[in-house]
Amino acid sequence: MTVLDCGIGSYKVVSVATPYELERRLEALGLTEGTRLDILGKKRNGASVIKVRGTRFAIGAEIAAGITIEEERG
């Protein structure tokens, strides 16, 4: 599933499939495979407020659709 498909909660990043430059930017922000990702809020237009490694930021629907996640176990 992707960030776009999920509700508020904690997840683990499985993969990031976005254009190269954007993928590098997300990497610089700490969003890499295996990282914990908390979805803090969702908007009707598909935008999401997420927290990764202590940093909160908003991503649009197109970016959210490119981030594959799974439910965090534990």
C-alpha atoms as a PDB file:
ATOM      1  CA  MET A   1       0.000   0.000   0.000  1.00  0.00           C
ATOM      2  CA  THR A   2       1.074   3.610  -0.380  1.00  0.00           C
ATOM      3  CA  VAL A   3       0.935   6.662   1.877  1.00  0.00           C
ATOM      4  CA  LEU A   4      -1.967   7.870  -0.276  1.00  0.00           C
ATOM      5  CA  ASP A   5      -4.004   4.741   0.582  1.00  0.00           C
ATOM      6  CA  CYS A   6      -3.411   4.667   4.348  1.00  0.00           C
ATOM      7  CA  GLY A   7      -4.885   6.337   7.362  1.00  0.00           C
ATOM      8  CA  ILE A   8      -3.229   8.004  10.311  1.00  0.00           C
ATOM      9  CA  GLY A   9      -0.735   5.751  12.105  1.00  0.00           C
ATOM     10  CA  SER A  10       2.794   4.338  12.143  1.00  0.00           C
ATOM     11  CA  TYR A  11       4.257   2.490   9.181  1.00  0.00           C
ATOM     12  CA  LYS A  12       7.564   1.249   7.774  1.00  0.00           C
ATOM     13  CA  VAL A  13       8.843   2.481   4.394  1.00  0.00           C
ATOM     14  CA  VAL A  14       9.220  -0.382   1.911  1.00  0.00           C
ATOM     15  CA  SER A  15      10.272   1.618  -1.163  1.00  0.00           C
ATOM     16  CA  VAL A  16      10.252   5.062  -2.735  1.00  0.00           C
ATOM     17  CA  ALA A  17       9.366   5.286  -6.440  1.00  0.00           C
ATOM     18  CA  THR A  18       9.499   8.955  -7.427  1.00  0.00           C
ATOM     19  CA  PRO A  19      11.547  10.909  -9.985  1.00  0.00           C
ATOM     20  CA  TYR A  20      15.295  10.698  -9.260  1.00  0.00           C
ATOM     21  CA  GLU A  21      15.742  14.263  -7.958  1.00  0.00           C
ATOM     22  CA  LEU A  22      12.752  13.973  -5.645  1.00  0.00           C
ATOM     23  CA  GLU A  23      13.892  10.581  -4.394  1.00  0.00           C
ATOM     24  CA  ARG A  24      17.296  12.081  -3.488  1.00  0.00           C
ATOM     25  CA  ARG A  25      15.583  14.985  -1.674  1.00  0.00           C
ATOM     26  CA  LEU A  26      13.401  12.605   0.338  1.00  0.00           C
ATOM     27  CA  GLU A  27      16.523  10.586   1.152  1.00  0.00           C
ATOM     28  CA  ALA A  28      18.191  13.753   2.435  1.00  0.00           C
ATOM     29  CA  LEU A  29      15.182  14.298   4.715  1.00  0.00           C
ATOM     30  CA  GLY A  30      15.668  10.779   6.121  1.00  0.00           C
ATOM     31  CA  LEU A  31      12.965   8.948   4.211  1.00  0.00           C
ATOM     32  CA  THR A  32      14.719   5.710   3.215  1.00  0.00           C
ATOM     33  CA  GLU A  33      13.778   2.019   3.059  1.00  0.00           C
ATOM     34  CA  GLY A  34      13.147   0.561   6.501  1.00  0.00           C
ATOM     35  CA  THR A  35      12.538   3.934   8.149  1.00  0.00           C
ATOM     36  CA  ARG A  36       9.561   4.457  10.452  1.00  0.00           C
ATOM     37  CA  LEU A  37       7.039   6.896   8.999  1.00  0.00           C
ATOM     38  CA  ASP A  38       4.191   8.390  11.039  1.00  0.00           C
ATOM     39  CA  ILE A  39       1.185   9.749   9.149  1.00  0.00           C
ATOM     40  CA  LEU A  40      -0.060  12.617  11.303  1.00  0.00           C
ATOM     41  CA  GLY A  41      -2.806  14.032   9.095  1.00  0.00           C
ATOM     42  CA  LYS A  42      -4.575  13.675   5.760  1.00  0.00           C
ATOM     43  CA  LYS A  43      -6.315  16.217   3.539  1.00  0.00           C
ATOM     44  CA  ARG A  44      -9.120  15.574   1.062  1.00  0.00           C
ATOM     45  CA  ASN A  45      -6.906  16.513  -1.878  1.00  0.00           C
ATOM     46  CA  GLY A  46      -4.537  13.636  -1.029  1.00  0.00           C
ATOM     47  CA  ALA A  47      -1.876  15.663   0.779  1.00  0.00           C
ATOM     48  CA  SER A  48      -0.431  14.084   3.923  1.00  0.00           C
ATOM     49  CA  VAL A  49       1.441  15.426   6.926  1.00  0.00           C
ATOM     50  CA  ILE A  50       4.127  12.911   7.869  1.00  0.00           C
ATOM     51  CA  LYS A  51       6.896  12.618  10.453  1.00  0.00           C
ATOM     52  CA  VAL A  52      10.177  10.920   9.606  1.00  0.00           C
ATOM     53  CA  ARG A  53      13.123  10.774  12.037  1.00  0.00           C
ATOM     54  CA  GLY A  54      11.708  13.635  14.106  1.00  0.00           C
ATOM     55  CA  THR A  55      11.001  15.942  11.149  1.00  0.00           C
ATOM     56  CA  ARG A  56       7.425  16.817  10.170  1.00  0.00           C
ATOM     57  CA  PHE A  57       6.600  17.802   6.608  1.00  0.00           C
ATOM     58  CA  ALA A  58       3.744  17.730   4.138  1.00  0.00           C
ATOM     59  CA  ILE A  59       3.752  15.827   0.861  1.00  0.00           C
ATOM     60  CA  GLY A  60       1.323  16.048  -2.033  1.00  0.00           C
ATOM     61  CA  ALA A  61      -0.775  13.231  -3.452  1.00  0.00           C
ATOM     62  CA  GLU A  62       1.653  12.444  -6.298  1.00  0.00           C
ATOM     63  CA  ILE A  63       4.557  12.000  -3.891  1.00  0.00           C
ATOM     64  CA  ALA A  64       2.398  10.040  -1.424  1.00  0.00           C
ATOM     65  CA  ALA A  65       1.409   7.642  -4.212  1.00  0.00           C
ATOM     66  CA  GLY A  66       5.088   6.863  -4.840  1.00  0.00           C
ATOM     67  CA  ILE A  67       5.954   5.861  -1.262  1.00  0.00           C
ATOM     68  CA  THR A  68       5.151   2.213  -0.535  1.00  0.00           C
ATOM     69  CA  ILE A  69       4.704   1.351   3.141  1.00  0.00           C
ATOM     70  CA  GLU A  70       3.614  -1.511   5.364  1.00  0.00           C
ATOM     71  CA  GLU A  71       2.107  -1.596   8.829  1.00  0.00           C
ATOM     72  CA  GLU A  72       4.701  -1.452  11.549  1.00  0.00           C
ATOM     73  CA  ARG A  73       4.855  -4.621  13.601  1.00  0.00           C
ATOM     74  CA  GLY A  74       5.843  -4.599  17.196  1.00  0.00           C
END
